[in-house]
Amino acid sequence: MIKLIYPNPSLLKAAGVKPVASVSLRWTDRHPQSSYGQGVLLYGKTSDIFDGASFRAARDHFGARLIYSGIERRKICGALGVPLDEPGIIEAPQKSA
C-alpha cells in the first residue's frame, strides 16, 4: 500500500486542483523509466510516473504525506530519487493480530 494523503483537500481546491483526500500509488520495476531495478512510482493503474519533484511540491504546498506499508522505504525513496530521511514519507503502523 502506497498512498499520497492530503490532510486538507480544500487547499487543492483553492489552487484550482480537483480536491482529493488521497491518491493511490504503486511501485514497479517493470516500466521503461525504471533503471537497474530502482523502480518507479506510478499513479494508480496508469503508467504515469509520480516523481520526487511531484512529491516535494505536494508536501511543501499542500501538506501531503506519503504513507506506505508492505514495501521497503529504500524502494520508495529510490523510486522518488530522494534521500532515505526525506521528510513526509511515513511507514504505516503495523496492525496487531
PDB file of N, CA and C in Angstrom:
ATOM      1  N   MET A   1       0.835  -1.168   0.000  1.00  0.00           N
ATOM      2  CA  MET A   1       0.000   0.000   0.000  1.00  0.00           C
ATOM      3  C   MET A   1       0.885   1.238   0.000  1.00  0.00           C
ATOM      4  N   ILE A   2       0.634   2.104  -0.938  1.00  0.00           N
ATOM      5  CA  ILE A   2       1.322   3.389  -1.004  1.00  0.00           C
ATOM      6  C   ILE A   2       0.254   4.428  -1.330  1.00  0.00           C
ATOM      7  N   LYS A   3       0.112   5.422  -0.467  1.00  0.00           N
ATOM      8  CA  LYS A   3      -0.884   6.467  -0.687  1.00  0.00           C
ATOM      9  C   LYS A   3      -0.283   7.836  -0.416  1.00  0.00           C
ATOM     10  N   LEU A   4      -0.667   8.776  -1.239  1.00  0.00           N
ATOM     11  CA  LEU A   4      -0.348  10.172  -1.005  1.00  0.00           C
ATOM     12  C   LEU A   4      -1.580  10.767  -0.339  1.00  0.00           C
ATOM     13  N   ILE A   5      -1.429  11.214   0.900  1.00  0.00           N
ATOM     14  CA  ILE A   5      -2.547  11.709   1.694  1.00  0.00           C
ATOM     15  C   ILE A   5      -2.497  13.237   1.747  1.00  0.00           C
ATOM     16  N   TYR A   6      -3.621  13.852   1.443  1.00  0.00           N
ATOM     17  CA  TYR A   6      -3.765  15.310   1.556  1.00  0.00           C
ATOM     18  C   TYR A   6      -4.623  15.597   2.787  1.00  0.00           C
ATOM     19  N   PRO A   7      -4.023  16.122   3.865  1.00  0.00           N
ATOM     20  CA  PRO A   7      -4.792  16.345   5.089  1.00  0.00           C
ATOM     21  C   PRO A   7      -5.844  17.456   4.961  1.00  0.00           C
ATOM     22  N   ASN A   8      -5.654  18.359   4.006  1.00  0.00           N
ATOM     23  CA  ASN A   8      -6.585  19.467   3.829  1.00  0.00           C
ATOM     24  C   ASN A   8      -6.901  19.650   2.343  1.00  0.00           C
ATOM     25  N   PRO A   9      -7.824  18.841   1.799  1.00  0.00           N
ATOM     26  CA  PRO A   9      -8.127  18.925   0.365  1.00  0.00           C
ATOM     27  C   PRO A   9      -8.611  20.302  -0.094  1.00  0.00           C
ATOM     28  N   SER A  10      -9.114  21.123   0.834  1.00  0.00           N
ATOM     29  CA  SER A  10      -9.582  22.455   0.435  1.00  0.00           C
ATOM     30  C   SER A  10      -8.429  23.312  -0.091  1.00  0.00           C
ATOM     31  N   LEU A  11      -7.201  23.017   0.332  1.00  0.00           N
ATOM     32  CA  LEU A  11      -6.041  23.743  -0.216  1.00  0.00           C
ATOM     33  C   LEU A  11      -5.878  23.451  -1.701  1.00  0.00           C
ATOM     34  N   LEU A  12      -6.177  22.216  -2.096  1.00  0.00           N
ATOM     35  CA  LEU A  12      -6.114  21.862  -3.517  1.00  0.00           C
ATOM     36  C   LEU A  12      -7.162  22.640  -4.302  1.00  0.00           C
ATOM     37  N   LYS A  13      -8.361  22.686  -3.764  1.00  0.00           N
ATOM     38  CA  LYS A  13      -9.453  23.391  -4.440  1.00  0.00           C
ATOM     39  C   LYS A  13      -9.106  24.869  -4.612  1.00  0.00           C
ATOM     40  N   ALA A  14      -8.536  25.460  -3.576  1.00  0.00           N
ATOM     41  CA  ALA A  14      -8.149  26.877  -3.644  1.00  0.00           C
ATOM     42  C   ALA A  14      -7.086  27.120  -4.707  1.00  0.00           C
ATOM     43  N   ALA A  15      -6.285  26.094  -4.997  1.00  0.00           N
ATOM     44  CA  ALA A  15      -5.236  26.205  -6.015  1.00  0.00           C
ATOM     45  C   ALA A  15      -5.742  25.829  -7.404  1.00  0.00           C
ATOM     46  N   GLY A  16      -7.049  25.520  -7.505  1.00  0.00           N
ATOM     47  CA  GLY A  16      -7.629  25.171  -8.797  1.00  0.00           C
ATOM     48  C   GLY A  16      -7.426  23.728  -9.195  1.00  0.00           C
ATOM     49  N   VAL A  17      -7.110  22.883  -8.215  1.00  0.00           N
ATOM     50  CA  VAL A  17      -6.894  21.462  -8.456  1.00  0.00           C
ATOM     51  C   VAL A  17      -8.060  20.687  -7.867  1.00  0.00           C
ATOM     52  N   LYS A  18      -8.459  19.612  -8.539  1.00  0.00           N
ATOM     53  CA  LYS A  18      -9.550  18.786  -8.024  1.00  0.00           C
ATOM     54  C   LYS A  18      -9.212  18.330  -6.604  1.00  0.00           C
ATOM     55  N   PRO A  19     -10.062  18.660  -5.621  1.00  0.00           N
ATOM     56  CA  PRO A  19      -9.759  18.265  -4.244  1.00  0.00           C
ATOM     57  C   PRO A  19      -9.947  16.768  -4.016  1.00  0.00           C
ATOM     58  N   VAL A  20      -8.909  16.120  -3.516  1.00  0.00           N
ATOM     59  CA  VAL A  20      -8.959  14.695  -3.180  1.00  0.00           C
ATOM     60  C   VAL A  20      -8.311  14.521  -1.802  1.00  0.00           C
ATOM     61  N   ALA A  21      -8.736  13.494  -1.093  1.00  0.00           N
ATOM     62  CA  ALA A  21      -8.154  13.209   0.217  1.00  0.00           C
ATOM     63  C   ALA A  21      -6.899  12.347   0.082  1.00  0.00           C
ATOM     64  N   SER A  22      -6.881  11.493  -0.945  1.00  0.00           N
ATOM     65  CA  SER A  22      -5.711  10.636  -1.129  1.00  0.00           C
ATOM     66  C   SER A  22      -5.603  10.182  -2.579  1.00  0.00           C
ATOM     67  N   VAL A  23      -4.398   9.761  -2.933  1.00  0.00           N
ATOM     68  CA  VAL A  23      -4.113   9.237  -4.263  1.00  0.00           C
ATOM     69  C   VAL A  23      -3.346   7.935  -4.076  1.00  0.00           C
ATOM     70  N   SER A  24      -3.811   6.861  -4.700  1.00  0.00           N
ATOM     71  CA  SER A  24      -3.110   5.576  -4.625  1.00  0.00           C
ATOM     72  C   SER A  24      -1.951   5.561  -5.610  1.00  0.00           C
ATOM     73  N   LEU A  25      -0.830   5.029  -5.138  1.00  0.00           N
ATOM     74  CA  LEU A  25       0.362   4.882  -5.961  1.00  0.00           C
ATOM     75  C   LEU A  25       0.793   3.424  -5.919  1.00  0.00           C
ATOM     76  N   ARG A  26       1.613   3.032  -6.878  1.00  0.00           N
ATOM     77  CA  ARG A  26       2.167   1.681  -6.845  1.00  0.00           C
ATOM     78  C   ARG A  26       3.607   1.724  -7.324  1.00  0.00           C
ATOM     79  N   TRP A  27       4.418   0.834  -6.744  1.00  0.00           N
ATOM     80  CA  TRP A  27       5.825   0.723  -7.117  1.00  0.00           C
ATOM     81  C   TRP A  27       5.973  -0.407  -8.122  1.00  0.00           C
ATOM     82  N   THR A  28       6.792  -0.182  -9.143  1.00  0.00           N
ATOM     83  CA  THR A  28       7.104  -1.242 -10.094  1.00  0.00           C
ATOM     84  C   THR A  28       8.510  -1.047 -10.635  1.00  0.00           C
ATOM     85  N   ASP A  29       9.130  -2.162 -10.967  1.00  0.00           N
ATOM     86  CA  ASP A  29      10.413  -2.079 -11.671  1.00  0.00           C
ATOM     87  C   ASP A  29      10.230  -2.559 -13.113  1.00  0.00           C
ATOM     88  N   ARG A  30       8.983  -2.685 -13.531  1.00  0.00           N
ATOM     89  CA  ARG A  30       8.642  -3.124 -14.892  1.00  0.00           C
ATOM     90  C   ARG A  30       8.055  -1.957 -15.687  1.00  0.00           C
ATOM     91  N   HIS A  31       8.838  -0.919 -15.798  1.00  0.00           N
ATOM     92  CA  HIS A  31       8.438   0.295 -16.517  1.00  0.00           C
ATOM     93  C   HIS A  31       9.660   0.776 -17.284  1.00  0.00           C
ATOM     94  N   PRO A  32       9.478   1.316 -18.483  1.00  0.00           N
ATOM     95  CA  PRO A  32      10.638   1.766 -19.267  1.00  0.00           C
ATOM     96  C   PRO A  32      11.531   2.784 -18.547  1.00  0.00           C
ATOM     97  N   GLN A  33      10.962   3.564 -17.629  1.00  0.00           N
ATOM     98  CA  GLN A  33      11.755   4.568 -16.920  1.00  0.00           C
ATOM     99  C   GLN A  33      12.459   4.013 -15.688  1.00  0.00           C
ATOM    100  N   SER A  34      12.186   2.763 -15.334  1.00  0.00           N
ATOM    101  CA  SER A  34      12.863   2.138 -14.202  1.00  0.00           C
ATOM    102  C   SER A  34      14.287   1.801 -14.624  1.00  0.00           C
ATOM    103  N   SER A  35      15.241   2.182 -13.793  1.00  0.00           N
ATOM    104  CA  SER A  35      16.639   1.987 -14.143  1.00  0.00           C
ATOM    105  C   SER A  35      17.304   1.012 -13.178  1.00  0.00           C
ATOM    106  N   TYR A  36      17.830  -0.079 -13.712  1.00  0.00           N
ATOM    107  CA  TYR A  36      18.591  -1.045 -12.925  1.00  0.00           C
ATOM    108  C   TYR A  36      17.837  -1.540 -11.691  1.00  0.00           C
ATOM    109  N   GLY A  37      16.550  -1.795 -11.840  1.00  0.00           N
ATOM    110  CA  GLY A  37      15.748  -2.313 -10.736  1.00  0.00           C
ATOM    111  C   GLY A  37      15.368  -1.296  -9.687  1.00  0.00           C
ATOM    112  N   GLN A  38      15.714  -0.035  -9.922  1.00  0.00           N
ATOM    113  CA  GLN A  38      15.422   1.033  -8.957  1.00  0.00           C
ATOM    114  C   GLN A  38      13.916   1.194  -8.755  1.00  0.00           C
ATOM    115  N   GLY A  39      13.162   1.004  -9.803  1.00  0.00           N
ATOM    116  CA  GLY A  39      11.716   1.124  -9.723  1.00  0.00           C
ATOM    117  C   GLY A  39      11.233   2.551  -9.883  1.00  0.00           C
ATOM    118  N   VAL A  40       9.954   2.666 -10.106  1.00  0.00           N
ATOM    119  CA  VAL A  40       9.269   3.956 -10.205  1.00  0.00           C
ATOM    120  C   VAL A  40       7.953   3.843  -9.448  1.00  0.00           C
ATOM    121  N   LEU A  41       7.407   4.985  -9.073  1.00  0.00           N
ATOM    122  CA  LEU A  41       6.065   5.033  -8.501  1.00  0.00           C
ATOM    123  C   LEU A  41       5.119   5.504  -9.585  1.00  0.00           C
ATOM    124  N   LEU A  42       4.000   4.804  -9.713  1.00  0.00           N
ATOM    125  CA  LEU A  42       3.003   5.143 -10.720  1.00  0.00           C
ATOM    126  C   LEU A  42       1.690   5.508 -10.045  1.00  0.00           C
ATOM    127  N   TYR A  43       0.953   6.398 -10.683  1.00  0.00           N
ATOM    128  CA  TYR A  43      -0.386   6.749 -10.222  1.00  0.00           C
ATOM    129  C   TYR A  43      -1.328   5.587 -10.498  1.00  0.00           C
ATOM    130  N   GLY A  44      -1.978   5.084  -9.453  1.00  0.00           N
ATOM    131  CA  GLY A  44      -2.998   4.053  -9.596  1.00  0.00           C
ATOM    132  C   GLY A  44      -2.673   2.995 -10.619  1.00  0.00           C
ATOM    133  N   LYS A  45      -3.555   2.834 -11.607  1.00  0.00           N
ATOM    134  CA  LYS A  45      -3.379   1.802 -12.629  1.00  0.00           C
ATOM    135  C   LYS A  45      -2.830   2.360 -13.935  1.00  0.00           C
ATOM    136  N   THR A  46      -2.341   3.599 -13.894  1.00  0.00           N
ATOM    137  CA  THR A  46      -1.803   4.216 -15.105  1.00  0.00           C
ATOM    138  C   THR A  46      -0.312   3.935 -15.225  1.00  0.00           C
ATOM    139  N   SER A  47       0.281   4.421 -16.288  1.00  0.00           N
ATOM    140  CA  SER A  47       1.736   4.335 -16.437  1.00  0.00           C
ATOM    141  C   SER A  47       2.375   5.702 -16.217  1.00  0.00           C
ATOM    142  N   ASP A  48       1.625   6.627 -15.607  1.00  0.00           N
ATOM    143  CA  ASP A  48       2.138   7.966 -15.317  1.00  0.00           C
ATOM    144  C   ASP A  48       2.992   7.938 -14.055  1.00  0.00           C
ATOM    145  N   ILE A  49       4.191   8.473 -14.148  1.00  0.00           N
ATOM    146  CA  ILE A  49       5.150   8.432 -13.047  1.00  0.00           C
ATOM    147  C   ILE A  49       4.896   9.551 -12.043  1.00  0.00           C
ATOM    148  N   PHE A  50       4.981   9.179 -10.771  1.00  0.00           N
ATOM    149  CA  PHE A  50       4.973  10.131  -9.656  1.00  0.00           C
ATOM    150  C   PHE A  50       6.422  10.222  -9.189  1.00  0.00           C
ATOM    151  N   ASP A  51       7.038  11.405  -9.341  1.00  0.00           N
ATOM    152  CA  ASP A  51       8.463  11.541  -9.043  1.00  0.00           C
ATOM    153  C   ASP A  51       8.717  12.386  -7.799  1.00  0.00           C
ATOM    154  N   GLY A  52       9.980  12.517  -7.468  1.00  0.00           N
ATOM    155  CA  GLY A  52      10.372  13.259  -6.275  1.00  0.00           C
ATOM    156  C   GLY A  52       9.967  14.724  -6.321  1.00  0.00           C
ATOM    157  N   ALA A  53      10.054  15.356  -7.476  1.00  0.00           N
ATOM    158  CA  ALA A  53       9.649  16.762  -7.580  1.00  0.00           C
ATOM    159  C   ALA A  53       8.152  16.906  -7.322  1.00  0.00           C
ATOM    160  N   SER A  54       7.368  15.962  -7.828  1.00  0.00           N
ATOM    161  CA  SER A  54       5.918  15.997  -7.586  1.00  0.00           C
ATOM    162  C   SER A  54       5.613  15.785  -6.108  1.00  0.00           C
ATOM    163  N   PHE A  55       6.341  14.848  -5.484  1.00  0.00           N
ATOM    164  CA  PHE A  55       6.140  14.607  -4.060  1.00  0.00           C
ATOM    165  C   PHE A  55       6.470  15.851  -3.245  1.00  0.00           C
ATOM    166  N   ARG A  56       7.623  16.443  -3.511  1.00  0.00           N
ATOM    167  CA  ARG A  56       8.030  17.620  -2.738  1.00  0.00           C
ATOM    168  C   ARG A  56       7.070  18.787  -2.934  1.00  0.00           C
ATOM    169  N   ALA A  57       6.561  18.965  -4.140  1.00  0.00           N
ATOM    170  CA  ALA A  57       5.578  20.034  -4.389  1.00  0.00           C
ATOM    171  C   ALA A  57       4.295  19.770  -3.610  1.00  0.00           C
ATOM    172  N   ALA A  58       3.806  18.518  -3.642  1.00  0.00           N
ATOM    173  CA  ALA A  58       2.581  18.171  -2.908  1.00  0.00           C
ATOM    174  C   ALA A  58       2.789  18.354  -1.406  1.00  0.00           C
ATOM    175  N   ARG A  59       3.949  17.953  -0.906  1.00  0.00           N
ATOM    176  CA  ARG A  59       4.256  18.093   0.525  1.00  0.00           C
ATOM    177  C   ARG A  59       4.393  19.560   0.919  1.00  0.00           C
ATOM    178  N   ASP A  60       5.202  20.302   0.176  1.00  0.00           N
ATOM    179  CA  ASP A  60       5.524  21.672   0.564  1.00  0.00           C
ATOM    180  C   ASP A  60       4.372  22.647   0.362  1.00  0.00           C
ATOM    181  N   HIS A  61       3.543  22.428  -0.659  1.00  0.00           N
ATOM    182  CA  HIS A  61       2.456  23.372  -0.952  1.00  0.00           C
ATOM    183  C   HIS A  61       1.114  22.958  -0.347  1.00  0.00           C
ATOM    184  N   PHE A  62       0.905  21.658  -0.190  1.00  0.00           N
ATOM    185  CA  PHE A  62      -0.412  21.185   0.249  1.00  0.00           C
ATOM    186  C   PHE A  62      -0.366  20.322   1.503  1.00  0.00           C
ATOM    187  N   GLY A  63       0.807  20.155   2.107  1.00  0.00           N
ATOM    188  CA  GLY A  63       0.929  19.377   3.331  1.00  0.00           C
ATOM    189  C   GLY A  63       0.788  17.877   3.145  1.00  0.00           C
ATOM    190  N   ALA A  64       0.941  17.388   1.930  1.00  0.00           N
ATOM    191  CA  ALA A  64       0.759  15.959   1.644  1.00  0.00           C
ATOM    192  C   ALA A  64       1.828  15.119   2.334  1.00  0.00           C
ATOM    193  N   ARG A  65       1.435  13.894   2.653  1.00  0.00           N
ATOM    194  CA  ARG A  65       2.336  12.901   3.224  1.00  0.00           C
ATOM    195  C   ARG A  65       2.197  11.621   2.429  1.00  0.00           C
ATOM    196  N   LEU A  66       3.295  10.926   2.243  1.00  0.00           N
ATOM    197  CA  LEU A  66       3.263   9.641   1.556  1.00  0.00           C
ATOM    198  C   LEU A  66       3.300   8.555   2.627  1.00  0.00           C
ATOM    199  N   ILE A  67       2.254   7.749   2.689  1.00  0.00           N
ATOM    200  CA  ILE A  67       2.131   6.672   3.666  1.00  0.00           C
ATOM    201  C   ILE A  67       2.316   5.350   2.928  1.00  0.00           C
ATOM    202  N   TYR A  68       3.132   4.460   3.495  1.00  0.00           N
ATOM    203  CA  TYR A  68       3.379   3.187   2.816  1.00  0.00           C
ATOM    204  C   TYR A  68       3.405   2.034   3.809  1.00  0.00           C
ATOM    205  N   SER A  69       3.171   0.844   3.314  1.00  0.00           N
ATOM    206  CA  SER A  69       3.348  -0.390   4.084  1.00  0.00           C
ATOM    207  C   SER A  69       3.542  -1.525   3.093  1.00  0.00           C
ATOM    208  N   GLY A  70       4.198  -2.583   3.559  1.00  0.00           N
ATOM    209  CA  GLY A  70       4.409  -3.747   2.708  1.00  0.00           C
ATOM    210  C   GLY A  70       5.482  -3.574   1.654  1.00  0.00           C
ATOM    211  N   ILE A  71       6.286  -2.540   1.770  1.00  0.00           N
ATOM    212  CA  ILE A  71       7.382  -2.280   0.834  1.00  0.00           C
ATOM    213  C   ILE A  71       8.496  -1.594   1.613  1.00  0.00           C
ATOM    214  N   GLU A  72       9.715  -1.800   1.206  1.00  0.00           N
ATOM    215  CA  GLU A  72      10.843  -1.197   1.905  1.00  0.00           C
ATOM    216  C   GLU A  72      10.939   0.293   1.598  1.00  0.00           C
ATOM    217  N   ARG A  73      11.290   1.066   2.620  1.00  0.00           N
ATOM    218  CA  ARG A  73      11.447   2.510   2.461  1.00  0.00           C
ATOM    219  C   ARG A  73      12.458   2.840   1.368  1.00  0.00           C
ATOM    220  N   ARG A  74      13.542   2.047   1.282  1.00  0.00           N
ATOM    221  CA  ARG A  74      14.582   2.327   0.284  1.00  0.00           C
ATOM    222  C   ARG A  74      14.015   2.250  -1.133  1.00  0.00           C
ATOM    223  N   LYS A  75      13.026   1.395  -1.359  1.00  0.00           N
ATOM    224  CA  LYS A  75      12.412   1.299  -2.690  1.00  0.00           C
ATOM    225  C   LYS A  75      11.592   2.548  -2.990  1.00  0.00           C
ATOM    226  N   ILE A  76      10.845   3.013  -1.996  1.00  0.00           N
ATOM    227  CA  ILE A  76      10.048   4.237  -2.176  1.00  0.00           C
ATOM    228  C   ILE A  76      10.976   5.418  -2.471  1.00  0.00           C
ATOM    229  N   CYS A  77      11.964   5.610  -1.609  1.00  0.00           N
ATOM    230  CA  CYS A  77      12.877   6.745  -1.766  1.00  0.00           C
ATOM    231  C   CYS A  77      13.693   6.634  -3.044  1.00  0.00           C
ATOM    232  N   GLY A  78      14.106   5.414  -3.399  1.00  0.00           N
ATOM    233  CA  GLY A  78      14.845   5.211  -4.640  1.00  0.00           C
ATOM    234  C   GLY A  78      14.018   5.577  -5.854  1.00  0.00           C
ATOM    235  N   ALA A  79      12.762   5.179  -5.853  1.00  0.00           N
ATOM    236  CA  ALA A  79      11.870   5.498  -6.979  1.00  0.00           C
ATOM    237  C   ALA A  79      11.641   6.996  -7.096  1.00  0.00           C
ATOM    238  N   LEU A  80      11.586   7.675  -5.958  1.00  0.00           N
ATOM    239  CA  LEU A  80      11.387   9.126  -5.973  1.00  0.00           C
ATOM    240  C   LEU A  80      12.686   9.886  -6.226  1.00  0.00           C
ATOM    241  N   GLY A  81      13.818   9.218  -5.991  1.00  0.00           N
ATOM    242  CA  GLY A  81      15.111   9.890  -6.136  1.00  0.00           C
ATOM    243  C   GLY A  81      15.373  10.860  -5.004  1.00  0.00           C
ATOM    244  N   VAL A  82      14.932  10.488  -3.792  1.00  0.00           N
ATOM    245  CA  VAL A  82      15.125  11.332  -2.613  1.00  0.00           C
ATOM    246  C   VAL A  82      15.911  10.538  -1.568  1.00  0.00           C
ATOM    247  N   PRO A  83      16.531  11.223  -0.589  1.00  0.00           N
ATOM    248  CA  PRO A  83      17.270  10.506   0.447  1.00  0.00           C
ATOM    249  C   PRO A  83      16.339   9.700   1.362  1.00  0.00           C
ATOM    250  N   LEU A  84      16.903   8.705   2.033  1.00  0.00           N
ATOM    251  CA  LEU A  84      16.115   7.846   2.921  1.00  0.00           C
ATOM    252  C   LEU A  84      15.460   8.608   4.069  1.00  0.00           C
ATOM    253  N   ASP A  85      16.037   9.737   4.465  1.00  0.00           N
ATOM    254  CA  ASP A  85      15.464  10.503   5.580  1.00  0.00           C
ATOM    255  C   ASP A  85      14.579  11.663   5.106  1.00  0.00           C
ATOM    256  N   GLU A  86      14.107  11.590   3.864  1.00  0.00           N
ATOM    257  CA  GLU A  86      13.238  12.644   3.308  1.00  0.00           C
ATOM    258  C   GLU A  86      11.995  12.812   4.187  1.00  0.00           C
ATOM    259  N   PRO A  87      11.709  14.039   4.636  1.00  0.00           N
ATOM    260  CA  PRO A  87      10.512  14.274   5.449  1.00  0.00           C
ATOM    261  C   PRO A  87       9.225  13.990   4.667  1.00  0.00           C
ATOM    262  N   GLY A  88       8.217  13.541   5.389  1.00  0.00           N
ATOM    263  CA  GLY A  88       6.897  13.348   4.790  1.00  0.00           C
ATOM    264  C   GLY A  88       6.643  11.963   4.226  1.00  0.00           C
ATOM    265  N   ILE A  89       7.610  11.063   4.353  1.00  0.00           N
ATOM    266  CA  ILE A  89       7.433   9.688   3.903  1.00  0.00           C
ATOM    267  C   ILE A  89       7.340   8.834   5.164  1.00  0.00           C
ATOM    268  N   ILE A  90       6.170   8.255   5.397  1.00  0.00           N
ATOM    269  CA  ILE A  90       5.865   7.639   6.684  1.00  0.00           C
ATOM    270  C   ILE A  90       5.408   6.204   6.509  1.00  0.00           C
ATOM    271  N   GLU A  91       6.013   5.304   7.266  1.00  0.00           N
ATOM    272  CA  GLU A  91       5.574   3.916   7.243  1.00  0.00           C
ATOM    273  C   GLU A  91       4.322   3.792   8.093  1.00  0.00           C
ATOM    274  N   ALA A  92       3.285   3.152   7.544  1.00  0.00           N
ATOM    275  CA  ALA A  92       2.047   2.952   8.285  1.00  0.00           C
ATOM    276  C   ALA A  92       2.304   1.985   9.428  1.00  0.00           C
ATOM    277  N   PRO A  93       1.686   2.232  10.570  1.00  0.00           N
ATOM    278  CA  PRO A  93       1.867   1.296  11.684  1.00  0.00           C
ATOM    279  C   PRO A  93       1.353  -0.092  11.322  1.00  0.00           C
ATOM    280  N   GLN A  94       2.058  -1.116  11.796  1.00  0.00           N
ATOM    281  CA  GLN A  94       1.635  -2.486  11.565  1.00  0.00           C
ATOM    282  C   GLN A  94       0.398  -2.778  12.402  1.00  0.00           C
ATOM    283  N   LYS A  95      -0.555  -3.467  11.818  1.00  0.00           N
ATOM    284  CA  LYS A  95      -1.758  -3.852  12.559  1.00  0.00           C
ATOM    285  C   LYS A  95      -1.435  -5.046  13.431  1.00  0.00           C
ATOM    286  N   SER A  96      -1.850  -4.976  14.675  1.00  0.00           N
ATOM    287  CA  SER A  96      -1.593  -6.107  15.568  1.00  0.00           C
ATOM    288  C   SER A  96      -2.645  -7.188  15.363  1.00  0.00           C
ATOM    289  N   ALA A  97      -2.255  -8.416  15.600  1.00  0.00           N
ATOM    290  CA  ALA A  97      -3.137  -9.561  15.372  1.00  0.00           C
ATOM    291  C   ALA A  97      -4.161  -9.721  16.468  1.00  0.00           C
TER     292      ALA A  97
END
